[in-house]
Amino acid sequence: MKKRFLLVPFMAVALVFSLFLAGCGGTDPEQLIREDLEARLGEVDDLDEVMVEGLEQSVGDDFDSFGITAEEFSAAYLDGFGYEIGDITVDGDTATAEVTITVKSYNDIMTSLQTEFSEWLYSDAASAITSEEELYHELGRIMIETVQNTEATQNTVTVDYTKNGDEWTMDSSSLSEINALFGA
């Protein structure tokens, strides 16, 4: 089994979320930061569309070999996704925003997927597999089932911003912390 196939969908998810790198400008720092966070985290329907497009571009035919679609994977992964922007505190040229993000844990998904697939490999059902295609399709079935069964968890992060001229930009360490929630 090639481990590359297992990581590709999750790396694509991380890539999709890292696309939200726009800065913000204007006069009301709290509103600009709130708008930036909303643009980055978006609406579930918008994220689903962006994720599907990103998965199709980066994963391509790999999902086909698993007998699943980017739409199926995205819907399963984003089920339960949400966020809440809390207090935003501005202090001169720096600011912090408290954000609670509810998302399925990449680590939980990977751990469960490895466990479920390993258990299946040692089951009587695995002995009925007669081709590599059937094996990949079973892995795809287990992958979707695992993602669907993983509960989204709440994670509160403090997001740091810095003012550069008229724009407020999210610090790279905060972006990395958010991306880590999605498996980056």
N, C-alpha and C. Protein backbone atom coordinates (compact mmCIF):
# COMPACT_ATOMS: atom_id res chain seq x y z
N MET A 1 0.85 -1.18 0.00
CA MET A 1 0.00 0.00 0.00
C MET A 1 0.89 1.23 0.00
N LYS A 2 0.62 2.13 -0.88
CA LYS A 2 1.42 3.34 -0.97
C LYS A 2 0.86 4.38 -0.01
N LYS A 3 1.69 4.82 0.95
CA LYS A 3 1.24 5.80 1.93
C LYS A 3 0.98 7.15 1.30
N ARG A 4 1.56 7.38 0.13
CA ARG A 4 1.37 8.65 -0.57
C ARG A 4 -0.11 8.90 -0.79
N PHE A 5 -0.86 7.85 -1.12
CA PHE A 5 -2.28 8.00 -1.39
C PHE A 5 -3.05 8.42 -0.15
N LEU A 6 -2.61 8.01 1.02
CA LEU A 6 -3.32 8.34 2.25
C LEU A 6 -3.12 9.80 2.62
N LEU A 7 -1.96 10.35 2.35
CA LEU A 7 -1.66 11.71 2.75
C LEU A 7 -2.15 12.74 1.75
N VAL A 8 -2.31 12.36 0.48
CA VAL A 8 -2.67 13.31 -0.57
C VAL A 8 -3.95 14.06 -0.25
N PRO A 9 -5.06 13.38 0.12
CA PRO A 9 -6.28 14.14 0.40
C PRO A 9 -6.10 15.14 1.55
N PHE A 10 -5.35 14.76 2.57
CA PHE A 10 -5.20 15.64 3.72
C PHE A 10 -4.25 16.79 3.42
N MET A 11 -3.24 16.56 2.60
CA MET A 11 -2.36 17.64 2.19
C MET A 11 -3.13 18.62 1.31
N ALA A 12 -4.04 18.11 0.48
CA ALA A 12 -4.86 18.97 -0.36
C ALA A 12 -5.75 19.85 0.49
N VAL A 13 -6.30 19.29 1.56
CA VAL A 13 -7.12 20.07 2.49
C VAL A 13 -6.29 21.21 3.07
N ALA A 14 -5.06 20.90 3.49
CA ALA A 14 -4.19 21.92 4.05
C ALA A 14 -3.89 23.00 3.01
N LEU A 15 -3.66 22.60 1.75
CA LEU A 15 -3.39 23.55 0.69
C LEU A 15 -4.57 24.47 0.47
N VAL A 16 -5.77 23.92 0.46
CA VAL A 16 -6.96 24.73 0.24
C VAL A 16 -7.08 25.80 1.32
N PHE A 17 -6.86 25.42 2.57
CA PHE A 17 -7.00 26.39 3.65
C PHE A 17 -5.87 27.42 3.66
N SER A 18 -4.72 27.07 3.14
CA SER A 18 -3.62 28.03 3.09
C SER A 18 -3.81 29.05 1.97
N LEU A 19 -4.81 28.84 1.07
CA LEU A 19 -5.08 29.79 0.00
C LEU A 19 -5.70 31.09 0.52
N PHE A 20 -6.21 31.05 1.73
CA PHE A 20 -6.86 32.24 2.28
C PHE A 20 -5.82 33.15 2.94
N LEU A 21 -4.97 33.78 2.13
CA LEU A 21 -3.87 34.57 2.66
C LEU A 21 -4.03 36.07 2.41
N ALA A 22 -5.24 36.54 2.20
CA ALA A 22 -5.44 37.94 1.87
C ALA A 22 -5.24 38.83 3.10
N GLY A 23 -4.63 39.98 2.92
CA GLY A 23 -4.49 40.96 4.00
C GLY A 23 -5.75 41.83 4.03
N CYS A 24 -5.78 42.78 4.95
CA CYS A 24 -6.93 43.66 5.00
C CYS A 24 -6.47 45.10 5.18
N GLY A 25 -7.26 46.05 4.73
CA GLY A 25 -6.91 47.46 4.83
C GLY A 25 -8.12 48.27 5.25
N GLY A 26 -7.94 49.56 5.56
CA GLY A 26 -9.06 50.40 5.96
C GLY A 26 -8.78 51.07 7.28
N THR A 27 -9.85 51.53 7.94
CA THR A 27 -9.65 52.35 9.13
C THR A 27 -10.05 51.70 10.44
N ASP A 28 -11.09 50.87 10.50
CA ASP A 28 -11.53 50.25 11.75
C ASP A 28 -10.84 48.90 11.91
N PRO A 29 -9.78 48.84 12.73
CA PRO A 29 -8.99 47.61 12.82
C PRO A 29 -9.80 46.38 13.24
N GLU A 30 -10.67 46.53 14.22
CA GLU A 30 -11.45 45.37 14.68
C GLU A 30 -12.33 44.82 13.56
N GLN A 31 -12.99 45.70 12.82
CA GLN A 31 -13.86 45.27 11.72
C GLN A 31 -13.04 44.65 10.60
N LEU A 32 -11.89 45.24 10.30
CA LEU A 32 -11.04 44.71 9.23
C LEU A 32 -10.50 43.33 9.58
N ILE A 33 -10.13 43.15 10.82
CA ILE A 33 -9.62 41.84 11.27
C ILE A 33 -10.75 40.81 11.24
N ARG A 34 -11.92 41.20 11.69
CA ARG A 34 -13.08 40.30 11.65
C ARG A 34 -13.39 39.90 10.20
N GLU A 35 -13.38 40.86 9.29
CA GLU A 35 -13.63 40.57 7.87
C GLU A 35 -12.56 39.64 7.29
N ASP A 36 -11.31 39.85 7.68
CA ASP A 36 -10.23 39.00 7.20
C ASP A 36 -10.42 37.56 7.68
N LEU A 37 -10.75 37.41 8.95
CA LEU A 37 -10.99 36.07 9.49
C LEU A 37 -12.17 35.41 8.80
N GLU A 38 -13.25 36.16 8.59
CA GLU A 38 -14.42 35.61 7.90
C GLU A 38 -14.08 35.20 6.47
N ALA A 39 -13.25 35.99 5.80
CA ALA A 39 -12.85 35.65 4.43
C ALA A 39 -11.97 34.40 4.42
N ARG A 40 -11.11 34.27 5.41
CA ARG A 40 -10.22 33.10 5.47
C ARG A 40 -10.99 31.83 5.82
N LEU A 41 -11.90 31.93 6.77
CA LEU A 41 -12.62 30.75 7.24
C LEU A 41 -13.89 30.51 6.45
N GLY A 42 -14.49 31.57 5.94
CA GLY A 42 -15.60 31.47 5.01
C GLY A 42 -16.83 30.75 5.52
N GLU A 43 -17.75 30.61 4.61
CA GLU A 43 -18.97 29.85 4.83
C GLU A 43 -18.70 28.40 4.44
N VAL A 44 -19.38 27.47 5.05
CA VAL A 44 -19.17 26.06 4.75
C VAL A 44 -19.38 25.77 3.27
N ASP A 45 -20.43 26.33 2.66
CA ASP A 45 -20.69 26.08 1.24
C ASP A 45 -19.54 26.60 0.38
N ASP A 46 -19.02 27.77 0.71
CA ASP A 46 -17.89 28.33 -0.04
C ASP A 46 -16.64 27.48 0.17
N LEU A 47 -16.39 27.08 1.42
CA LEU A 47 -15.23 26.23 1.70
C LEU A 47 -15.35 24.90 0.99
N ASP A 48 -16.55 24.34 0.96
CA ASP A 48 -16.77 23.07 0.29
C ASP A 48 -16.41 23.19 -1.19
N GLU A 49 -16.87 24.25 -1.83
CA GLU A 49 -16.58 24.45 -3.25
C GLU A 49 -15.08 24.63 -3.48
N VAL A 50 -14.43 25.45 -2.67
CA VAL A 50 -13.00 25.69 -2.80
C VAL A 50 -12.22 24.40 -2.52
N MET A 51 -12.66 23.65 -1.51
CA MET A 51 -11.98 22.41 -1.17
C MET A 51 -12.10 21.39 -2.29
N VAL A 52 -13.29 21.26 -2.86
CA VAL A 52 -13.50 20.31 -3.95
C VAL A 52 -12.60 20.68 -5.13
N GLU A 53 -12.57 21.96 -5.48
CA GLU A 53 -11.72 22.40 -6.59
C GLU A 53 -10.25 22.12 -6.29
N GLY A 54 -9.82 22.43 -5.08
CA GLY A 54 -8.42 22.18 -4.69
C GLY A 54 -8.09 20.70 -4.70
N LEU A 55 -9.00 19.87 -4.20
CA LEU A 55 -8.77 18.43 -4.18
C LEU A 55 -8.70 17.87 -5.61
N GLU A 56 -9.60 18.35 -6.46
CA GLU A 56 -9.59 17.86 -7.85
C GLU A 56 -8.31 18.25 -8.56
N GLN A 57 -7.80 19.46 -8.30
CA GLN A 57 -6.56 19.90 -8.94
C GLN A 57 -5.35 19.17 -8.39
N SER A 58 -5.30 18.98 -7.09
CA SER A 58 -4.09 18.40 -6.49
C SER A 58 -4.11 16.88 -6.42
N VAL A 59 -5.27 16.29 -6.26
CA VAL A 59 -5.36 14.84 -6.11
C VAL A 59 -5.66 14.18 -7.44
N GLY A 60 -6.43 14.87 -8.28
CA GLY A 60 -6.73 14.34 -9.60
C GLY A 60 -7.41 12.99 -9.57
N ASP A 61 -6.81 12.03 -10.25
CA ASP A 61 -7.40 10.71 -10.40
C ASP A 61 -7.21 9.81 -9.18
N ASP A 62 -6.47 10.25 -8.18
CA ASP A 62 -6.23 9.40 -7.00
C ASP A 62 -7.53 9.03 -6.31
N PHE A 63 -8.47 9.97 -6.21
CA PHE A 63 -9.75 9.65 -5.59
C PHE A 63 -10.49 8.60 -6.42
N ASP A 64 -10.39 8.71 -7.74
CA ASP A 64 -11.04 7.71 -8.60
C ASP A 64 -10.53 6.31 -8.27
N SER A 65 -9.24 6.17 -8.03
CA SER A 65 -8.69 4.85 -7.72
C SER A 65 -9.24 4.30 -6.41
N PHE A 66 -9.70 5.20 -5.53
CA PHE A 66 -10.30 4.78 -4.27
C PHE A 66 -11.81 4.59 -4.38
N GLY A 67 -12.36 4.93 -5.54
CA GLY A 67 -13.79 4.78 -5.75
C GLY A 67 -14.62 5.83 -5.02
N ILE A 68 -14.01 6.98 -4.75
CA ILE A 68 -14.72 8.07 -4.08
C ILE A 68 -14.51 9.35 -4.88
N THR A 69 -15.26 10.39 -4.53
CA THR A 69 -15.14 11.67 -5.21
C THR A 69 -14.65 12.74 -4.25
N ALA A 70 -14.14 13.81 -4.83
CA ALA A 70 -13.72 14.95 -4.02
C ALA A 70 -14.91 15.53 -3.27
N GLU A 71 -16.08 15.51 -3.90
CA GLU A 71 -17.29 16.03 -3.26
C GLU A 71 -17.64 15.22 -2.01
N GLU A 72 -17.55 13.89 -2.13
CA GLU A 72 -17.84 13.02 -0.98
C GLU A 72 -16.88 13.30 0.17
N PHE A 73 -15.59 13.36 -0.17
CA PHE A 73 -14.58 13.58 0.87
C PHE A 73 -14.78 14.93 1.54
N SER A 74 -14.96 15.98 0.74
CA SER A 74 -15.13 17.33 1.27
C SER A 74 -16.35 17.42 2.18
N ALA A 75 -17.47 16.85 1.74
CA ALA A 75 -18.70 16.89 2.55
C ALA A 75 -18.48 16.17 3.88
N ALA A 76 -17.80 15.04 3.85
CA ALA A 76 -17.54 14.29 5.09
C ALA A 76 -16.60 15.07 6.01
N TYR A 77 -15.57 15.67 5.43
CA TYR A 77 -14.59 16.40 6.24
C TYR A 77 -15.19 17.66 6.86
N LEU A 78 -15.99 18.39 6.10
CA LEU A 78 -16.54 19.66 6.58
C LEU A 78 -17.79 19.50 7.43
N ASP A 79 -18.33 18.29 7.55
CA ASP A 79 -19.49 18.07 8.39
C ASP A 79 -19.12 18.43 9.83
N GLY A 80 -19.80 19.38 10.39
CA GLY A 80 -19.52 19.82 11.76
C GLY A 80 -18.58 21.02 11.83
N PHE A 81 -18.05 21.47 10.68
CA PHE A 81 -17.14 22.62 10.67
C PHE A 81 -17.88 23.89 11.07
N GLY A 82 -17.22 24.73 11.81
CA GLY A 82 -17.75 26.03 12.17
C GLY A 82 -16.68 26.86 12.86
N TYR A 83 -16.98 28.10 13.06
CA TYR A 83 -16.05 28.97 13.78
C TYR A 83 -16.82 30.10 14.44
N GLU A 84 -16.21 30.64 15.47
CA GLU A 84 -16.78 31.80 16.16
C GLU A 84 -15.64 32.75 16.47
N ILE A 85 -15.81 33.99 16.04
CA ILE A 85 -14.80 35.02 16.31
C ILE A 85 -15.19 35.70 17.61
N GLY A 86 -14.31 35.64 18.58
CA GLY A 86 -14.57 36.24 19.88
C GLY A 86 -14.01 37.65 19.95
N ASP A 87 -13.41 37.96 21.08
CA ASP A 87 -12.86 39.29 21.32
C ASP A 87 -11.69 39.59 20.40
N ILE A 88 -11.67 40.82 19.91
CA ILE A 88 -10.54 41.33 19.13
C ILE A 88 -9.98 42.51 19.91
N THR A 89 -8.70 42.42 20.23
CA THR A 89 -8.05 43.46 21.02
C THR A 89 -6.95 44.11 20.19
N VAL A 90 -7.05 45.43 20.02
CA VAL A 90 -6.06 46.18 19.24
C VAL A 90 -5.21 46.98 20.22
N ASP A 91 -3.88 46.88 20.04
CA ASP A 91 -2.94 47.61 20.87
C ASP A 91 -1.87 48.21 19.95
N GLY A 92 -2.13 49.44 19.50
CA GLY A 92 -1.19 50.10 18.59
C GLY A 92 -1.16 49.40 17.24
N ASP A 93 0.03 48.91 16.87
CA ASP A 93 0.20 48.25 15.57
C ASP A 93 0.09 46.73 15.66
N THR A 94 -0.41 46.23 16.78
CA THR A 94 -0.62 44.79 16.91
C THR A 94 -2.04 44.54 17.39
N ALA A 95 -2.53 43.34 17.14
CA ALA A 95 -3.88 42.98 17.57
C ALA A 95 -3.93 41.47 17.75
N THR A 96 -4.90 41.05 18.57
CA THR A 96 -5.16 39.62 18.75
C THR A 96 -6.66 39.39 18.61
N ALA A 97 -6.99 38.23 18.08
CA ALA A 97 -8.39 37.84 17.95
C ALA A 97 -8.51 36.43 18.51
N GLU A 98 -9.50 36.23 19.36
CA GLU A 98 -9.79 34.89 19.88
C GLU A 98 -10.77 34.22 18.91
N VAL A 99 -10.39 33.07 18.39
CA VAL A 99 -11.22 32.38 17.41
C VAL A 99 -11.38 30.92 17.84
N THR A 100 -12.61 30.47 17.88
CA THR A 100 -12.88 29.06 18.17
C THR A 100 -13.27 28.40 16.85
N ILE A 101 -12.47 27.41 16.46
CA ILE A 101 -12.70 26.70 15.20
C ILE A 101 -13.08 25.27 15.53
N THR A 102 -14.19 24.84 14.98
CA THR A 102 -14.65 23.46 15.14
C THR A 102 -14.38 22.74 13.83
N VAL A 103 -13.52 21.73 13.91
CA VAL A 103 -13.10 21.01 12.71
C VAL A 103 -12.68 19.60 13.10
N LYS A 104 -12.73 18.70 12.14
CA LYS A 104 -12.30 17.32 12.38
C LYS A 104 -10.78 17.28 12.43
N SER A 105 -10.25 16.56 13.39
CA SER A 105 -8.82 16.48 13.60
C SER A 105 -8.15 15.55 12.59
N TYR A 106 -7.16 16.08 11.90
CA TYR A 106 -6.37 15.30 10.96
C TYR A 106 -5.75 14.10 11.66
N ASN A 107 -5.18 14.33 12.84
CA ASN A 107 -4.54 13.24 13.59
C ASN A 107 -5.54 12.16 13.98
N ASP A 108 -6.73 12.57 14.42
CA ASP A 108 -7.76 11.60 14.76
C ASP A 108 -8.18 10.78 13.54
N ILE A 109 -8.33 11.46 12.41
CA ILE A 109 -8.71 10.77 11.18
C ILE A 109 -7.64 9.76 10.78
N MET A 110 -6.39 10.19 10.76
CA MET A 110 -5.31 9.30 10.33
C MET A 110 -5.14 8.12 11.28
N THR A 111 -5.25 8.36 12.58
CA THR A 111 -5.12 7.28 13.55
C THR A 111 -6.25 6.27 13.36
N SER A 112 -7.46 6.76 13.24
CA SER A 112 -8.61 5.86 13.04
C SER A 112 -8.52 5.12 11.71
N LEU A 113 -8.10 5.82 10.67
CA LEU A 113 -7.98 5.19 9.36
C LEU A 113 -6.96 4.05 9.40
N GLN A 114 -5.83 4.30 10.01
CA GLN A 114 -4.80 3.25 10.11
C GLN A 114 -5.32 2.06 10.91
N THR A 115 -6.00 2.33 12.02
CA THR A 115 -6.54 1.26 12.85
C THR A 115 -7.60 0.47 12.10
N GLU A 116 -8.57 1.17 11.51
CA GLU A 116 -9.67 0.51 10.80
C GLU A 116 -9.15 -0.31 9.62
N PHE A 117 -8.22 0.25 8.84
CA PHE A 117 -7.72 -0.46 7.68
C PHE A 117 -6.89 -1.68 8.11
N SER A 118 -6.10 -1.51 9.16
CA SER A 118 -5.31 -2.65 9.67
C SER A 118 -6.22 -3.77 10.15
N GLU A 119 -7.26 -3.41 10.89
CA GLU A 119 -8.20 -4.43 11.36
C GLU A 119 -8.87 -5.13 10.18
N TRP A 120 -9.24 -4.36 9.17
CA TRP A 120 -9.87 -4.95 8.00
C TRP A 120 -8.90 -5.90 7.27
N LEU A 121 -7.61 -5.49 7.18
CA LEU A 121 -6.62 -6.33 6.49
C LEU A 121 -6.50 -7.72 7.12
N TYR A 122 -6.71 -7.80 8.41
CA TYR A 122 -6.59 -9.08 9.12
C TYR A 122 -7.94 -9.79 9.27
N SER A 123 -8.96 -9.27 8.62
CA SER A 123 -10.28 -9.89 8.71
C SER A 123 -10.48 -10.89 7.56
N ASP A 124 -11.52 -11.68 7.71
CA ASP A 124 -11.88 -12.63 6.65
C ASP A 124 -12.29 -11.89 5.37
N ALA A 125 -12.87 -10.72 5.50
CA ALA A 125 -13.31 -9.96 4.33
C ALA A 125 -12.15 -9.62 3.41
N ALA A 126 -10.98 -9.36 3.96
CA ALA A 126 -9.81 -9.00 3.15
C ALA A 126 -9.38 -10.15 2.26
N SER A 127 -9.58 -11.36 2.72
CA SER A 127 -9.16 -12.51 1.92
C SER A 127 -10.01 -12.69 0.66
N ALA A 128 -11.16 -12.03 0.60
CA ALA A 128 -12.02 -12.12 -0.57
C ALA A 128 -11.59 -11.16 -1.69
N ILE A 129 -10.68 -10.25 -1.39
CA ILE A 129 -10.20 -9.27 -2.37
C ILE A 129 -9.34 -9.99 -3.41
N THR A 130 -9.65 -9.75 -4.68
CA THR A 130 -8.93 -10.44 -5.75
C THR A 130 -8.15 -9.52 -6.66
N SER A 131 -8.24 -8.20 -6.43
CA SER A 131 -7.50 -7.27 -7.29
C SER A 131 -7.06 -6.04 -6.50
N GLU A 132 -6.08 -5.36 -7.06
CA GLU A 132 -5.61 -4.11 -6.45
C GLU A 132 -6.72 -3.07 -6.47
N GLU A 133 -7.52 -3.07 -7.52
CA GLU A 133 -8.63 -2.12 -7.63
C GLU A 133 -9.62 -2.32 -6.48
N GLU A 134 -9.96 -3.57 -6.19
CA GLU A 134 -10.87 -3.85 -5.07
C GLU A 134 -10.25 -3.41 -3.75
N LEU A 135 -8.95 -3.61 -3.59
CA LEU A 135 -8.26 -3.19 -2.37
C LEU A 135 -8.35 -1.68 -2.19
N TYR A 136 -8.06 -0.93 -3.26
CA TYR A 136 -8.14 0.53 -3.19
C TYR A 136 -9.57 1.01 -2.93
N HIS A 137 -10.54 0.36 -3.53
CA HIS A 137 -11.94 0.75 -3.29
C HIS A 137 -12.34 0.49 -1.84
N GLU A 138 -11.86 -0.59 -1.27
CA GLU A 138 -12.14 -0.87 0.14
C GLU A 138 -11.47 0.19 1.02
N LEU A 139 -10.25 0.57 0.68
CA LEU A 139 -9.57 1.63 1.42
C LEU A 139 -10.36 2.93 1.31
N GLY A 140 -10.88 3.24 0.11
CA GLY A 140 -11.69 4.44 -0.07
C GLY A 140 -12.95 4.40 0.77
N ARG A 141 -13.59 3.24 0.82
CA ARG A 141 -14.80 3.08 1.64
C ARG A 141 -14.46 3.32 3.11
N ILE A 142 -13.37 2.72 3.56
CA ILE A 142 -12.95 2.89 4.96
C ILE A 142 -12.56 4.34 5.22
N MET A 143 -11.91 4.99 4.26
CA MET A 143 -11.50 6.38 4.42
C MET A 143 -12.72 7.28 4.61
N ILE A 144 -13.71 7.16 3.73
CA ILE A 144 -14.91 8.00 3.84
C ILE A 144 -15.64 7.70 5.14
N GLU A 145 -15.78 6.44 5.48
CA GLU A 145 -16.46 6.07 6.72
C GLU A 145 -15.73 6.65 7.94
N THR A 146 -14.40 6.59 7.91
CA THR A 146 -13.61 7.13 9.02
C THR A 146 -13.79 8.63 9.15
N VAL A 147 -13.74 9.34 8.03
CA VAL A 147 -13.91 10.80 8.07
C VAL A 147 -15.32 11.14 8.54
N GLN A 148 -16.32 10.41 8.06
CA GLN A 148 -17.71 10.66 8.49
C GLN A 148 -17.88 10.42 9.98
N ASN A 149 -17.22 9.42 10.51
CA ASN A 149 -17.39 9.05 11.93
C ASN A 149 -16.51 9.84 12.89
N THR A 150 -15.59 10.63 12.37
CA THR A 150 -14.74 11.45 13.23
C THR A 150 -15.52 12.68 13.67
N GLU A 151 -15.55 12.91 14.95
CA GLU A 151 -16.26 14.06 15.50
C GLU A 151 -15.42 15.32 15.36
N ALA A 152 -16.05 16.42 14.97
CA ALA A 152 -15.38 17.71 14.94
C ALA A 152 -15.15 18.17 16.38
N THR A 153 -14.00 18.75 16.63
CA THR A 153 -13.67 19.24 17.97
C THR A 153 -13.43 20.74 17.94
N GLN A 154 -13.70 21.38 19.07
CA GLN A 154 -13.49 22.82 19.18
C GLN A 154 -12.05 23.10 19.60
N ASN A 155 -11.46 24.08 18.93
CA ASN A 155 -10.09 24.50 19.21
C ASN A 155 -10.09 26.03 19.27
N THR A 156 -9.67 26.59 20.39
CA THR A 156 -9.60 28.03 20.51
C THR A 156 -8.16 28.47 20.28
N VAL A 157 -8.00 29.40 19.35
CA VAL A 157 -6.66 29.92 19.04
C VAL A 157 -6.67 31.43 19.19
N THR A 158 -5.53 31.95 19.57
CA THR A 158 -5.32 33.39 19.61
C THR A 158 -4.57 33.75 18.33
N VAL A 159 -5.23 34.55 17.51
CA VAL A 159 -4.67 34.91 16.21
C VAL A 159 -4.07 36.30 16.31
N ASP A 160 -2.79 36.39 15.97
CA ASP A 160 -2.06 37.66 16.05
C ASP A 160 -2.05 38.35 14.70
N TYR A 161 -2.23 39.66 14.74
CA TYR A 161 -2.18 40.51 13.56
C TYR A 161 -1.17 41.63 13.79
N THR A 162 -0.58 42.11 12.70
CA THR A 162 0.34 43.23 12.74
C THR A 162 -0.09 44.22 11.67
N LYS A 163 -0.03 45.51 12.02
CA LYS A 163 -0.38 46.56 11.06
C LYS A 163 0.87 46.90 10.25
N ASN A 164 0.72 46.82 8.94
CA ASN A 164 1.78 47.21 8.01
C ASN A 164 1.21 48.30 7.10
N GLY A 165 1.55 49.53 7.38
CA GLY A 165 0.96 50.64 6.63
C GLY A 165 -0.50 50.75 6.99
N ASP A 166 -1.37 50.63 5.99
CA ASP A 166 -2.82 50.69 6.22
C ASP A 166 -3.45 49.31 6.31
N GLU A 167 -2.64 48.26 6.23
CA GLU A 167 -3.17 46.90 6.21
C GLU A 167 -2.83 46.15 7.48
N TRP A 168 -3.78 45.31 7.89
CA TRP A 168 -3.57 44.40 9.00
C TRP A 168 -3.35 43.01 8.42
N THR A 169 -2.25 42.38 8.77
CA THR A 169 -1.95 41.05 8.23
C THR A 169 -1.79 40.05 9.37
N MET A 170 -2.30 38.86 9.12
CA MET A 170 -2.17 37.79 10.10
C MET A 170 -0.72 37.35 10.16
N ASP A 171 -0.21 37.20 11.38
CA ASP A 171 1.17 36.73 11.55
C ASP A 171 1.30 35.30 11.05
N SER A 172 2.45 34.98 10.51
CA SER A 172 2.67 33.64 9.93
C SER A 172 2.54 32.54 10.98
N SER A 173 2.90 32.83 12.22
CA SER A 173 2.76 31.80 13.26
C SER A 173 1.28 31.49 13.53
N SER A 174 0.43 32.50 13.46
CA SER A 174 -1.01 32.27 13.64
C SER A 174 -1.59 31.50 12.46
N LEU A 175 -1.14 31.85 11.26
CA LEU A 175 -1.60 31.12 10.08
C LEU A 175 -1.18 29.67 10.17
N SER A 176 0.03 29.42 10.61
CA SER A 176 0.52 28.05 10.78
C SER A 176 -0.32 27.30 11.81
N GLU A 177 -0.69 27.96 12.90
CA GLU A 177 -1.49 27.33 13.94
C GLU A 177 -2.88 26.96 13.41
N ILE A 178 -3.47 27.84 12.61
CA ILE A 178 -4.78 27.54 12.02
C ILE A 178 -4.64 26.40 11.02
N ASN A 179 -3.64 26.47 10.16
CA ASN A 179 -3.43 25.41 9.16
C ASN A 179 -3.19 24.05 9.84
N ALA A 180 -2.53 24.06 10.99
CA ALA A 180 -2.27 22.80 11.71
C ALA A 180 -3.57 22.13 12.13
N LEU A 181 -4.60 22.91 12.38
CA LEU A 181 -5.90 22.33 12.73
C LEU A 181 -6.47 21.52 11.57
N PHE A 182 -6.05 21.89 10.35
CA PHE A 182 -6.55 21.20 9.15
C PHE A 182 -5.55 20.18 8.61
N GLY A 183 -4.51 19.91 9.39
CA GLY A 183 -3.57 18.87 8.97
C GLY A 183 -2.35 19.37 8.23
N ALA A 184 -2.15 20.65 8.17
CA ALA A 184 -0.96 21.15 7.44
C ALA A 184 0.29 20.97 8.26
